[in-house]
Amino acid sequence: MLLFRWLILFLLLAAGVSFAFYAGTGKSHFKRFGLLTLKWVVLSGLGFFAVLILERLA
């Protein structure tokens, strides 16, 4: 579980850095990478919390 939390933290950091590069350079591939990373982090976070909720119910 700790590994998963660190992974989410680093992926969110990577998305933030990508958005900062986009703000600095204006190149759209940084924005696209940041949005793609953010989308998968949110989806994996939702899956993680769904597993935690299901563990509580069982």
N, C-alpha and C. Protein backbone atom coordinates (compact mmCIF):
# COMPACT_ATOMS: atom_id res chain seq x y z
N MET A 1 0.82 -1.17 0.00
CA MET A 1 0.00 0.00 0.00
C MET A 1 0.88 1.26 0.00
N LEU A 2 1.96 1.21 0.75
CA LEU A 2 2.86 2.36 0.79
C LEU A 2 3.50 2.60 -0.58
N LEU A 3 3.84 1.53 -1.25
CA LEU A 3 4.41 1.64 -2.59
C LEU A 3 3.42 2.30 -3.55
N PHE A 4 2.16 1.92 -3.45
CA PHE A 4 1.14 2.51 -4.32
C PHE A 4 0.99 4.00 -4.06
N ARG A 5 1.03 4.39 -2.79
CA ARG A 5 0.92 5.82 -2.45
C ARG A 5 2.09 6.62 -3.02
N TRP A 6 3.30 6.07 -2.91
CA TRP A 6 4.47 6.76 -3.46
C TRP A 6 4.39 6.85 -4.98
N LEU A 7 3.90 5.79 -5.60
CA LEU A 7 3.76 5.79 -7.05
C LEU A 7 2.79 6.87 -7.51
N ILE A 8 1.67 6.99 -6.83
CA ILE A 8 0.70 8.04 -7.17
C ILE A 8 1.31 9.42 -6.96
N LEU A 9 2.04 9.58 -5.87
CA LEU A 9 2.67 10.87 -5.59
C LEU A 9 3.65 11.25 -6.70
N PHE A 10 4.50 10.31 -7.12
CA PHE A 10 5.48 10.61 -8.16
C PHE A 10 4.82 10.85 -9.51
N LEU A 11 3.74 10.13 -9.81
CA LEU A 11 3.04 10.37 -11.07
C LEU A 11 2.35 11.73 -11.07
N LEU A 12 1.78 12.13 -9.94
CA LEU A 12 1.20 13.47 -9.85
C LEU A 12 2.27 14.54 -9.99
N LEU A 13 3.43 14.28 -9.41
CA LEU A 13 4.55 15.21 -9.55
C LEU A 13 4.99 15.31 -11.01
N ALA A 14 5.03 14.18 -11.71
CA ALA A 14 5.40 14.17 -13.13
C ALA A 14 4.39 14.95 -13.95
N ALA A 15 3.11 14.81 -13.64
CA ALA A 15 2.08 15.56 -14.36
C ALA A 15 2.24 17.07 -14.09
N GLY A 16 2.54 17.43 -12.85
CA GLY A 16 2.74 18.84 -12.52
C GLY A 16 3.95 19.43 -13.22
N VAL A 17 5.03 18.68 -13.28
CA VAL A 17 6.23 19.14 -14.00
C VAL A 17 5.93 19.29 -15.48
N SER A 18 5.17 18.36 -16.02
CA SER A 18 4.81 18.43 -17.43
C SER A 18 3.97 19.68 -17.72
N PHE A 19 3.03 19.98 -16.84
CA PHE A 19 2.23 21.20 -17.02
C PHE A 19 3.09 22.45 -16.87
N ALA A 20 4.07 22.41 -15.99
CA ALA A 20 4.98 23.55 -15.84
C ALA A 20 5.81 23.75 -17.11
N PHE A 21 6.27 22.64 -17.70
CA PHE A 21 7.00 22.74 -18.97
C PHE A 21 6.10 23.30 -20.07
N TYR A 22 4.84 22.88 -20.06
CA TYR A 22 3.89 23.40 -21.05
C TYR A 22 3.69 24.91 -20.86
N ALA A 23 3.58 25.33 -19.60
CA ALA A 23 3.40 26.76 -19.33
C ALA A 23 4.63 27.55 -19.74
N GLY A 24 5.80 26.94 -19.59
CA GLY A 24 7.04 27.64 -19.94
C GLY A 24 7.33 27.66 -21.41
N THR A 25 7.03 26.56 -22.11
CA THR A 25 7.41 26.47 -23.51
C THR A 25 6.24 26.66 -24.47
N GLY A 26 5.04 26.31 -24.05
CA GLY A 26 3.88 26.41 -24.93
C GLY A 26 3.74 25.23 -25.89
N LYS A 27 4.58 24.21 -25.74
CA LYS A 27 4.50 23.05 -26.63
C LYS A 27 3.40 22.11 -26.15
N SER A 28 2.55 21.72 -27.09
CA SER A 28 1.35 20.98 -26.71
C SER A 28 1.63 19.54 -26.28
N HIS A 29 2.77 18.97 -26.66
CA HIS A 29 3.00 17.59 -26.25
C HIS A 29 3.23 17.47 -24.75
N PHE A 30 3.70 18.53 -24.08
CA PHE A 30 3.82 18.51 -22.62
C PHE A 30 2.44 18.50 -21.98
N LYS A 31 1.53 19.29 -22.53
CA LYS A 31 0.17 19.32 -22.01
C LYS A 31 -0.52 17.98 -22.21
N ARG A 32 -0.33 17.38 -23.37
CA ARG A 32 -0.95 16.09 -23.67
C ARG A 32 -0.42 15.00 -22.72
N PHE A 33 0.90 14.99 -22.50
CA PHE A 33 1.48 14.02 -21.58
C PHE A 33 0.97 14.24 -20.15
N GLY A 34 0.87 15.50 -19.73
CA GLY A 34 0.37 15.80 -18.39
C GLY A 34 -1.06 15.36 -18.20
N LEU A 35 -1.90 15.60 -19.19
CA LEU A 35 -3.30 15.19 -19.09
C LEU A 35 -3.44 13.68 -19.11
N LEU A 36 -2.64 13.01 -19.93
CA LEU A 36 -2.67 11.55 -19.99
C LEU A 36 -2.23 10.95 -18.66
N THR A 37 -1.16 11.48 -18.10
CA THR A 37 -0.67 11.00 -16.80
C THR A 37 -1.70 11.26 -15.71
N LEU A 38 -2.27 12.45 -15.71
CA LEU A 38 -3.26 12.80 -14.69
C LEU A 38 -4.49 11.90 -14.79
N LYS A 39 -4.93 11.61 -16.01
CA LYS A 39 -6.10 10.74 -16.20
C LYS A 39 -5.86 9.36 -15.61
N TRP A 40 -4.70 8.77 -15.88
CA TRP A 40 -4.42 7.43 -15.39
C TRP A 40 -4.18 7.42 -13.88
N VAL A 41 -3.64 8.49 -13.34
CA VAL A 41 -3.46 8.57 -11.89
C VAL A 41 -4.81 8.62 -11.19
N VAL A 42 -5.72 9.41 -11.73
CA VAL A 42 -7.05 9.52 -11.13
C VAL A 42 -7.78 8.18 -11.22
N LEU A 43 -7.71 7.53 -12.38
CA LEU A 43 -8.38 6.23 -12.52
C LEU A 43 -7.79 5.18 -11.59
N SER A 44 -6.48 5.15 -11.47
CA SER A 44 -5.86 4.16 -10.57
C SER A 44 -6.16 4.50 -9.12
N GLY A 45 -6.23 5.77 -8.78
CA GLY A 45 -6.61 6.16 -7.42
C GLY A 45 -8.03 5.74 -7.08
N LEU A 46 -8.94 5.92 -8.04
CA LEU A 46 -10.31 5.47 -7.82
C LEU A 46 -10.38 3.96 -7.64
N GLY A 47 -9.60 3.23 -8.42
CA GLY A 47 -9.55 1.78 -8.26
C GLY A 47 -8.98 1.39 -6.90
N PHE A 48 -7.96 2.10 -6.46
CA PHE A 48 -7.35 1.83 -5.16
C PHE A 48 -8.36 2.03 -4.04
N PHE A 49 -9.10 3.14 -4.08
CA PHE A 49 -10.07 3.40 -3.03
C PHE A 49 -11.26 2.45 -3.12
N ALA A 50 -11.60 1.99 -4.33
CA ALA A 50 -12.67 1.00 -4.45
C ALA A 50 -12.26 -0.31 -3.77
N VAL A 51 -11.01 -0.70 -3.93
CA VAL A 51 -10.53 -1.91 -3.27
C VAL A 51 -10.54 -1.73 -1.75
N LEU A 52 -10.16 -0.56 -1.28
CA LEU A 52 -10.20 -0.32 0.17
C LEU A 52 -11.62 -0.38 0.71
N ILE A 53 -12.57 0.18 -0.01
CA ILE A 53 -13.97 0.16 0.41
C ILE A 53 -14.49 -1.28 0.41
N LEU A 54 -14.17 -2.03 -0.62
CA LEU A 54 -14.62 -3.42 -0.68
C LEU A 54 -13.98 -4.26 0.42
N GLU A 55 -12.76 -3.96 0.79
CA GLU A 55 -12.13 -4.67 1.91
C GLU A 55 -12.86 -4.38 3.21
N ARG A 56 -13.29 -3.16 3.39
CA ARG A 56 -14.01 -2.78 4.61
C ARG A 56 -15.36 -3.48 4.70
N LEU A 57 -16.01 -3.62 3.55
CA LEU A 57 -17.34 -4.25 3.55
C LEU A 57 -17.27 -5.74 3.77
N ALA A 58 -16.19 -6.36 3.37
CA ALA A 58 -16.08 -7.84 3.49
C ALA A 58 -15.60 -8.26 4.86
